Amino acid sequence: MLVKKIPVCIIGGGPSGLMAASHMAEMGISSLILEAQTMPRDKVCADIITSKAIREIERAAPGIIEKWVTTGKARAIWSTRVHTEEHQLDIPFKGLDENPHTPSCYAISRSDMDRDLWNRVSDQEYVTAFDGVRMTGRKFQNGRHTIFTDKGGTYMAEHCVLAYGGIKDPRPDGQDTSSRHEAVGIRAYFRGLKGLDADRCHLFLSKKWMPGGLYIAPLTQGVFNVNMVIRKDRMQKGRLNLRSELESAIDQDERLKDIFSDAHVESQVRGARLPLATMRRESIQDGALLTGDAAGLIDLISANGIPQAMISGRLSAGFVKNRVSGMSMNQAASCYAKELMEAIAPDIALGKSLSYPLGSRWFCSWMLNILGRSAHALSQRENGLEEVLYSDRPFQELVRQLNPLIDHSRTVNRNPFL
């Protein structure tokens, strides 16, 4: 059996794997990417990239977002409208880095995004990338990784990064193994939706679906991404079938019936498992570093995992560099975990804090009530919503905004990174 020796093997050619390879290449570290699917691949996703993802993409592939816009692959998104069962709340997005003319959110299909990033990164010096090659087994012995593939190739790597969509057992011994740390999502593409703006997303919430909801994102060329995500424990408790819930919502929900009255499906409904960032997971599995979905980095509140995946991929390059420099695996993993949590903590903190109470139907109903009342109150006050959203302390600012005894004329401390 011929074994090819390589410095780094990256399993998975999605956002985290591509960022890992790109930043390792900048450091002069050679890597091999093995992607199980053939590019362009179809990935179940909301097809939205937000500010942190935009910055990570521009670091690895400068100018590519502008190219997506000019070629009609990407569309700027300027706000999201949240629909509760009784109210509506418009959430405006600030311009990227305080520039009102630079969008901080784009809609682009994952098929286009992953393919173009794959082509850009795989052309870099120090990067070798194979798609349509699936890892069938891996052994870690004597400080080396042996990777077996379905094409008959065998590789021996000094370092291994797991950047594929999930891991066999993401729950370390002794930790909470309940299904509240995992969500399930489905997605289909539609045409012919009525009454929706081309630069705004829509989120529909219901007591029955929480934690979760139905999300509509406008892509280019008249296509809409329609997806539904519900936490697994809520599905189990309510005995919900996600496909049936989506079909029922489109046909019977008064908020959606008119929107979908002339719609037709462009693709089959596809599903995916979403490991949530609501519990601590180990950074190392059998000597390999975990990144992206393999590390369980998806936010519970937004169901967004792309920024965290890209950041983890970039930081994995630092892990490998530290290992090459002689740092022990435990030390390098500890540095990686610390830097990662510092980078993504603002994005996952709310989901982590609300993870347990959102398992209660009473709490979910209370949250929807508060959201509805807040929406009504803030809509009566100029810039009230923006001051809450872009405050460093949104909960405290919300209380201040809703308190009639407090002067609302002062300026709040805005967070420029949202």
Protein backbone atom coordinates (compact mmCIF):
# COMPACT_ATOMS: atom_id res chain seq x y z
CA MET A 1 0.00 0.00 0.00
CA LEU A 2 1.46 3.35 -1.11
CA VAL A 3 1.20 5.98 1.63
CA LYS A 4 1.68 9.64 0.70
CA LYS A 5 3.20 11.78 3.44
CA ILE A 6 1.85 15.32 3.89
CA PRO A 7 2.26 18.05 6.55
CA VAL A 8 -1.45 18.81 7.10
CA CYS A 9 -4.63 17.06 6.00
CA ILE A 10 -7.88 19.04 6.15
CA ILE A 11 -11.04 16.93 6.02
CA GLY A 12 -13.78 19.09 4.46
CA GLY A 13 -13.72 21.82 1.83
CA GLY A 14 -16.39 24.13 3.24
CA PRO A 15 -15.85 27.56 4.85
CA SER A 16 -13.72 26.37 7.78
CA GLY A 17 -11.55 24.01 5.74
CA LEU A 18 -10.92 26.57 3.01
CA MET A 19 -10.04 29.30 5.52
CA ALA A 20 -7.68 26.89 7.27
CA ALA A 21 -5.84 26.03 4.05
CA SER A 22 -5.66 29.64 2.89
CA HIS A 23 -4.14 30.95 6.10
CA MET A 24 -1.74 28.02 6.38
CA ALA A 25 -0.59 28.84 2.84
CA GLU A 26 0.16 32.41 3.95
CA MET A 27 2.39 30.89 6.64
CA GLY A 28 4.16 28.67 4.10
CA ILE A 29 2.55 25.50 5.47
CA SER A 30 1.46 22.93 2.87
CA SER A 31 -1.93 21.31 3.26
CA LEU A 32 -4.17 18.83 1.48
CA ILE A 33 -7.96 19.33 1.45
CA LEU A 34 -10.18 16.29 1.02
CA GLU A 35 -13.82 17.15 0.23
CA ALA A 36 -16.30 14.27 0.07
CA GLN A 37 -18.69 15.97 -2.37
CA THR A 38 -17.96 17.15 -5.88
CA MET A 39 -17.81 20.92 -6.33
CA PRO A 40 -20.10 22.76 -6.85
CA ARG A 41 -21.94 21.10 -4.00
CA ASP A 42 -25.38 21.78 -2.58
CA LYS A 43 -25.29 22.66 1.11
CA VAL A 44 -28.41 23.18 3.23
CA CYS A 45 -28.03 26.75 4.46
CA ALA A 46 -29.88 30.07 4.72
CA ASP A 47 -27.50 31.43 2.02
CA ILE A 48 -26.67 34.53 4.09
CA ILE A 49 -23.24 35.94 4.96
CA THR A 50 -22.99 38.58 7.66
CA SER A 51 -20.35 41.08 8.74
CA LYS A 52 -17.83 38.75 10.37
CA ALA A 53 -18.03 36.30 7.49
CA ILE A 54 -17.56 39.18 5.03
CA ARG A 55 -14.36 40.20 6.79
CA GLU A 56 -13.03 36.63 6.85
CA ILE A 57 -13.79 36.14 3.14
CA GLU A 58 -12.05 39.41 2.23
CA ARG A 59 -8.96 38.37 4.21
CA ALA A 60 -8.68 35.09 2.33
CA ALA A 61 -10.01 36.13 -1.09
CA PRO A 62 -9.83 39.91 -1.57
CA GLY A 63 -12.28 41.31 -4.09
CA ILE A 64 -14.36 38.16 -4.45
CA ILE A 65 -17.51 39.65 -2.86
CA GLU A 66 -17.46 42.59 -5.26
CA LYS A 67 -17.16 40.07 -8.09
CA TRP A 68 -20.19 38.15 -6.76
CA VAL A 69 -22.23 41.35 -6.77
CA THR A 70 -21.20 42.50 -10.24
CA THR A 71 -21.83 39.06 -11.75
CA GLY A 72 -25.28 38.81 -10.15
CA LYS A 73 -24.46 36.02 -7.72
CA ALA A 74 -24.88 38.07 -4.53
CA ARG A 75 -27.48 40.55 -3.33
CA ALA A 76 -27.05 43.14 -0.56
CA ILE A 77 -29.45 42.68 2.37
CA TRP A 78 -30.19 45.74 4.50
CA SER A 79 -32.69 44.50 7.09
CA THR A 80 -34.74 41.63 8.49
CA ARG A 81 -38.42 41.84 9.31
CA VAL A 82 -39.42 39.66 12.27
CA HIS A 83 -43.05 38.49 12.28
CA THR A 84 -44.47 37.26 15.57
CA GLU A 85 -48.02 35.91 15.66
CA GLU A 86 -49.34 39.42 16.37
CA HIS A 87 -46.61 41.98 15.59
CA GLN A 88 -43.87 42.92 13.16
CA LEU A 89 -40.41 44.23 14.01
CA ASP A 90 -38.01 45.67 11.42
CA ILE A 91 -34.33 45.16 12.24
CA PRO A 92 -32.11 47.45 10.13
CA PHE A 93 -28.50 46.44 9.49
CA LYS A 94 -25.75 48.99 9.98
CA GLY A 95 -23.22 49.48 7.20
CA LEU A 96 -20.05 47.44 7.48
CA ASP A 97 -17.53 49.14 9.78
CA GLU A 98 -19.84 52.13 10.24
CA ASN A 99 -19.90 52.85 6.49
CA PRO A 100 -23.58 53.41 5.64
CA HIS A 101 -22.95 52.62 1.96
CA THR A 102 -21.22 49.25 2.51
CA PRO A 103 -23.63 46.35 3.20
CA SER A 104 -22.96 44.20 6.25
CA CYS A 105 -25.02 41.32 4.87
CA TYR A 106 -25.31 39.55 1.51
CA ALA A 107 -27.45 36.75 0.16
CA ILE A 108 -25.59 34.25 -2.02
CA SER A 109 -26.22 30.56 -2.61
CA ARG A 110 -23.81 28.27 -0.78
CA SER A 111 -23.27 26.44 -4.05
CA ASP A 112 -21.83 29.59 -5.65
CA MET A 113 -19.94 30.73 -2.56
CA ASP A 114 -18.29 27.39 -1.79
CA ARG A 115 -17.37 26.74 -5.42
CA ASP A 116 -15.75 30.14 -5.95
CA LEU A 117 -13.88 30.04 -2.65
CA TRP A 118 -12.77 26.48 -3.46
CA ASN A 119 -11.39 27.62 -6.83
CA ARG A 120 -9.63 30.64 -5.31
CA VAL A 121 -8.05 28.76 -2.39
CA SER A 122 -7.11 25.62 -4.32
CA ASP A 123 -5.11 27.80 -6.74
CA GLN A 124 -2.89 29.05 -3.91
CA GLU A 125 0.66 27.88 -3.55
CA TYR A 126 1.03 25.28 -0.76
CA VAL A 127 -2.59 24.11 -1.22
CA THR A 128 -3.64 20.81 -2.84
CA ALA A 129 -7.38 20.17 -2.99
CA PHE A 130 -9.32 17.09 -4.07
CA ASP A 131 -13.12 17.03 -4.27
CA GLY A 132 -15.19 13.86 -4.61
CA VAL A 133 -12.80 12.09 -2.21
CA ARG A 134 -14.34 10.79 1.02
CA MET A 135 -12.43 9.86 4.14
CA THR A 136 -13.39 6.31 5.08
CA GLY A 137 -11.19 5.98 8.15
CA ARG A 138 -8.53 7.66 10.25
CA LYS A 139 -5.94 6.38 12.72
CA PHE A 140 -3.86 8.47 15.09
CA GLN A 141 -0.77 6.64 16.22
CA ASN A 142 2.71 7.73 17.30
CA GLY A 143 1.81 11.35 16.69
CA ARG A 144 0.82 10.78 13.05
CA HIS A 145 -2.56 10.63 11.31
CA THR A 146 -3.24 7.95 8.71
CA ILE A 147 -6.21 8.85 6.52
CA PHE A 148 -7.93 6.28 4.29
CA THR A 149 -10.15 7.35 1.37
CA ASP A 150 -12.81 5.79 -0.83
CA LYS A 151 -10.58 6.29 -3.90
CA GLY A 152 -7.95 3.96 -2.53
CA GLY A 153 -5.51 6.69 -1.55
CA THR A 154 -3.87 6.65 1.87
CA TYR A 155 -2.21 9.67 3.43
CA MET A 156 0.00 10.11 6.47
CA ALA A 157 -0.20 13.59 7.96
CA GLU A 158 1.64 15.25 10.80
CA HIS A 159 -1.46 17.33 11.61
CA CYS A 160 -5.15 16.88 10.85
CA VAL A 161 -8.02 19.39 10.88
CA LEU A 162 -11.59 18.07 10.88
CA ALA A 163 -13.69 20.61 9.01
CA TYR A 164 -16.62 18.54 7.80
CA GLY A 165 -20.28 18.92 8.69
CA GLY A 166 -20.44 16.96 11.92
CA ILE A 167 -18.74 14.48 14.21
CA LYS A 168 -19.83 11.07 15.39
CA ASP A 169 -20.14 12.01 19.04
CA PRO A 170 -19.97 15.77 19.70
CA ARG A 171 -20.84 15.33 23.38
CA PRO A 172 -17.92 14.65 25.74
CA ASP A 173 -18.39 12.19 28.59
CA GLY A 174 -20.14 13.61 31.63
CA GLN A 175 -21.82 16.47 29.80
CA ASP A 176 -25.43 17.15 28.94
CA THR A 177 -26.43 14.78 26.14
CA SER A 178 -29.93 16.18 25.64
CA SER A 179 -31.19 17.11 22.20
CA ARG A 180 -31.38 20.79 23.11
CA HIS A 181 -27.80 21.11 21.83
CA GLU A 182 -28.80 20.19 18.31
CA ALA A 183 -31.25 21.62 15.77
CA VAL A 184 -32.65 20.31 12.51
CA GLY A 185 -33.12 22.48 9.44
CA ILE A 186 -34.73 22.06 6.04
CA ARG A 187 -34.49 24.25 2.96
CA ALA A 188 -36.11 24.63 -0.47
CA TYR A 189 -35.82 27.21 -3.23
CA PHE A 190 -39.00 28.93 -4.45
CA ARG A 191 -40.02 31.35 -7.19
CA GLY A 192 -43.09 33.55 -7.39
CA LEU A 193 -43.25 34.76 -3.79
CA LYS A 194 -45.32 37.95 -3.54
CA GLY A 195 -44.97 41.17 -1.56
CA LEU A 196 -41.37 40.71 -0.41
CA ASP A 197 -38.64 43.31 -0.84
CA ALA A 198 -35.52 42.28 -2.73
CA ASP A 199 -33.17 43.61 -0.04
CA ARG A 200 -34.90 42.34 3.11
CA CYS A 201 -35.12 38.93 4.81
CA HIS A 202 -38.17 37.77 6.75
CA LEU A 203 -38.27 35.68 9.92
CA PHE A 204 -41.60 34.16 11.01
CA LEU A 205 -41.87 33.05 14.65
CA SER A 206 -44.45 30.88 16.36
CA LYS A 207 -44.83 29.43 19.84
CA LYS A 208 -45.03 26.00 18.23
CA TRP A 209 -41.66 26.37 16.49
CA MET A 210 -39.56 27.98 19.19
CA PRO A 211 -36.64 27.75 19.57
CA GLY A 212 -36.68 28.08 15.78
CA GLY A 213 -38.62 29.66 12.98
CA LEU A 214 -39.24 30.01 9.27
CA TYR A 215 -36.81 32.23 7.37
CA ILE A 216 -37.04 33.66 3.86
CA ALA A 217 -34.00 35.14 2.10
CA PRO A 218 -34.22 36.78 -1.35
CA LEU A 219 -31.47 35.54 -3.67
CA THR A 220 -30.83 36.86 -7.18
CA GLN A 221 -32.86 36.13 -10.34
CA GLY A 222 -36.18 35.89 -8.51
CA VAL A 223 -35.24 32.92 -6.33
CA PHE A 224 -36.04 32.78 -2.59
CA ASN A 225 -34.42 30.54 0.00
CA VAL A 226 -37.18 29.28 2.32
CA ASN A 227 -35.89 27.41 5.33
CA MET A 228 -37.16 26.23 8.68
CA VAL A 229 -35.07 25.40 11.72
CA ILE A 230 -36.35 23.92 14.99
CA ARG A 231 -34.35 22.68 17.94
CA LYS A 232 -34.42 18.91 18.18
CA ASP A 233 -35.91 18.72 21.66
CA ARG A 234 -38.84 20.93 20.58
CA MET A 235 -39.45 18.62 17.61
CA GLN A 236 -39.43 15.61 19.89
CA LYS A 237 -41.72 17.13 22.51
CA GLY A 238 -44.19 18.40 19.94
CA ARG A 239 -43.83 15.34 17.71
CA LEU A 240 -43.21 17.69 14.81
CA ASN A 241 -42.31 16.69 11.28
CA LEU A 242 -40.32 19.56 9.83
CA ARG A 243 -41.39 19.02 6.23
CA SER A 244 -45.05 18.84 7.28
CA GLU A 245 -44.63 22.00 9.39
CA LEU A 246 -43.21 23.87 6.40
CA GLU A 247 -45.99 22.73 4.09
CA SER A 248 -48.65 23.52 6.69
CA ALA A 249 -47.21 26.99 7.33
CA ILE A 250 -47.18 27.84 3.63
CA ASP A 251 -50.77 26.65 3.13
CA GLN A 252 -52.44 27.71 6.37
CA ASP A 253 -50.48 30.42 8.23
CA GLU A 254 -52.30 33.71 7.64
CA ARG A 255 -48.97 35.55 7.54
CA LEU A 256 -47.70 33.34 4.70
CA LYS A 257 -50.71 32.27 2.63
CA ASP A 258 -50.75 35.31 0.37
CA ILE A 259 -46.96 35.38 -0.01
CA PHE A 260 -46.97 31.79 -1.33
CA SER A 261 -50.29 31.90 -3.22
CA ASP A 262 -48.57 31.90 -6.65
CA ALA A 263 -45.28 30.30 -5.62
CA HIS A 264 -43.72 27.18 -7.05
CA VAL A 265 -40.84 25.08 -5.76
CA GLU A 266 -37.54 25.24 -7.62
CA SER A 267 -35.80 22.43 -5.73
CA GLN A 268 -36.50 19.48 -3.52
CA VAL A 269 -36.69 20.00 0.22
CA ARG A 270 -33.40 19.02 1.84
CA GLY A 271 -32.49 18.69 5.50
CA ALA A 272 -29.43 19.01 7.72
CA ARG A 273 -28.37 18.55 11.31
CA LEU A 274 -27.10 21.66 13.13
CA PRO A 275 -24.80 21.12 16.16
CA LEU A 276 -25.36 24.16 18.38
CA ALA A 277 -22.83 26.25 20.28
CA THR A 278 -24.77 25.91 23.53
CA MET A 279 -22.33 23.60 25.33
CA ARG A 280 -18.60 23.23 25.73
CA ARG A 281 -17.01 20.72 23.39
CA GLU A 282 -13.42 19.53 23.29
CA SER A 283 -11.18 21.05 20.60
CA ILE A 284 -9.34 17.80 19.89
CA GLN A 285 -10.73 14.44 18.78
CA ASP A 286 -8.20 11.59 18.49
CA GLY A 287 -5.40 14.07 17.86
CA ALA A 288 -7.29 16.09 15.21
CA LEU A 289 -8.44 19.68 15.64
CA LEU A 290 -12.16 20.37 15.30
CA THR A 291 -13.42 23.42 13.40
CA GLY A 292 -16.74 24.72 12.06
CA ASP A 293 -19.76 22.47 12.38
CA ALA A 294 -17.50 19.64 13.50
CA ALA A 295 -16.79 21.75 16.58
CA GLY A 296 -20.49 22.61 17.12
CA LEU A 297 -20.29 26.37 16.55
CA ILE A 298 -23.78 27.22 15.23
CA ASP A 299 -25.60 29.97 17.11
CA LEU A 300 -28.96 28.95 18.61
CA ILE A 301 -30.65 32.34 18.09
CA SER A 302 -29.70 33.03 14.47
CA ALA A 303 -28.89 29.45 13.35
CA ASN A 304 -25.84 31.07 11.72
CA GLY A 305 -22.60 29.11 11.68
CA ILE A 306 -20.64 30.50 8.72
CA PRO A 307 -18.75 33.30 10.58
CA GLN A 308 -17.78 30.97 13.43
CA ALA A 309 -16.70 28.30 10.92
CA MET A 310 -14.47 30.74 9.03
CA ILE A 311 -12.93 32.16 12.20
CA SER A 312 -12.22 28.68 13.53
CA GLY A 313 -10.59 27.75 10.20
CA ARG A 314 -8.34 30.80 10.31
CA LEU A 315 -7.36 30.12 13.92
CA SER A 316 -6.62 26.46 13.12
CA ALA A 317 -3.70 27.74 11.03
CA GLY A 318 -2.28 29.23 14.22
CA PHE A 319 -2.75 25.90 15.97
CA VAL A 320 -0.72 24.10 13.28
CA LYS A 321 1.95 26.80 13.33
CA ASN A 322 2.28 26.42 17.10
CA ARG A 323 2.59 22.66 16.73
CA VAL A 324 5.24 23.03 14.03
CA SER A 325 7.11 25.40 16.36
CA GLY A 326 7.26 22.68 19.00
CA MET A 327 4.28 23.52 21.22
CA SER A 328 2.56 20.52 22.76
CA MET A 329 -0.82 19.48 21.45
CA ASN A 330 -2.55 20.37 24.71
CA GLN A 331 -0.96 23.84 24.82
CA ALA A 332 -1.74 24.54 21.17
CA ALA A 333 -5.32 23.32 21.58
CA SER A 334 -5.75 25.49 24.67
CA CYS A 335 -4.52 28.58 22.77
CA TYR A 336 -6.85 27.77 19.87
CA ALA A 337 -9.88 27.30 22.14
CA LYS A 338 -9.18 30.52 24.03
CA GLU A 339 -8.75 32.62 20.87
CA LEU A 340 -11.82 31.07 19.27
CA MET A 341 -14.08 31.74 22.24
CA GLU A 342 -12.85 35.32 22.50
CA ALA A 343 -13.61 35.84 18.81
CA ILE A 344 -17.08 34.30 18.70
CA ALA A 345 -18.37 34.88 22.25
CA PRO A 346 -20.56 37.89 21.27
CA ASP A 347 -22.22 35.78 18.56
CA ILE A 348 -23.13 32.79 20.70
CA ALA A 349 -23.50 34.26 24.20
CA LEU A 350 -27.24 34.97 24.02
CA GLY A 351 -28.00 31.50 22.63
CA LYS A 352 -25.96 29.86 25.37
CA SER A 353 -27.64 31.84 28.13
CA LEU A 354 -31.16 31.12 26.79
CA SER A 355 -30.56 27.50 25.83
CA TYR A 356 -32.10 25.95 28.91
CA PRO A 357 -35.14 28.23 29.44
CA LEU A 358 -36.05 28.04 25.72
CA GLY A 359 -36.88 24.40 26.32
CA SER A 360 -39.96 25.60 28.22
CA ARG A 361 -43.10 26.35 26.19
CA TRP A 362 -44.09 28.92 28.83
CA PHE A 363 -40.77 30.76 28.44
CA CYS A 364 -41.05 30.72 24.65
CA SER A 365 -44.54 32.25 24.87
CA TRP A 366 -43.28 34.88 27.30
CA MET A 367 -40.38 35.72 24.95
CA LEU A 368 -42.74 36.19 22.01
CA ASN A 369 -44.95 38.43 24.18
CA ILE A 370 -42.00 40.57 25.22
CA LEU A 371 -40.78 40.77 21.63
CA GLY A 372 -44.20 41.90 20.45
CA ARG A 373 -44.62 44.53 23.16
CA SER A 374 -41.07 45.79 22.65
CA ALA A 375 -41.65 46.04 18.91
CA HIS A 376 -44.71 48.18 19.44
CA ALA A 377 -43.08 50.44 22.04
CA LEU A 378 -39.82 50.92 20.16
CA SER A 379 -41.59 51.65 16.89
CA GLN A 380 -43.10 54.73 18.56
CA ARG A 381 -39.65 56.11 19.42
CA GLU A 382 -37.19 57.45 16.85
CA ASN A 383 -34.02 55.29 16.74
CA GLY A 384 -35.22 53.32 19.75
CA LEU A 385 -34.73 49.92 18.14
CA GLU A 386 -31.31 50.83 16.72
CA GLU A 387 -30.13 51.98 20.14
CA VAL A 388 -31.08 48.61 21.62
CA LEU A 389 -29.59 46.51 18.80
CA TYR A 390 -26.29 48.33 18.63
CA SER A 391 -25.69 48.80 22.32
CA ASP A 392 -22.90 46.92 24.11
CA ARG A 393 -25.56 45.97 26.67
CA PRO A 394 -28.78 45.34 24.72
CA PHE A 395 -30.83 43.99 27.63
CA GLN A 396 -30.05 46.96 29.86
CA GLU A 397 -30.72 49.34 26.97
CA LEU A 398 -34.06 47.66 26.25
CA VAL A 399 -35.12 48.16 29.87
CA ARG A 400 -34.03 51.80 29.66
CA GLN A 401 -35.95 52.35 26.41
CA LEU A 402 -39.12 50.85 27.84
CA ASN A 403 -38.94 52.79 31.10
CA PRO A 404 -41.15 55.91 30.76
CA LEU A 405 -39.41 57.60 33.70
CA ILE A 406 -35.99 57.75 31.99
CA ASP A 407 -34.79 60.46 29.62
CA HIS A 408 -34.20 58.87 26.20
CA SER A 409 -32.27 61.73 24.66
CA ARG A 410 -28.78 60.60 25.68
CA THR A 411 -26.56 58.65 23.28
CA VAL A 412 -25.85 55.00 23.96
CA ASN A 413 -22.52 53.22 23.60
CA ARG A 414 -22.79 51.63 20.17
CA ASN A 415 -21.00 48.45 19.17
CA PRO A 416 -19.26 48.99 15.79
CA PHE A 417 -18.80 45.29 15.16
CA LEU A 418 -22.46 44.42 14.52
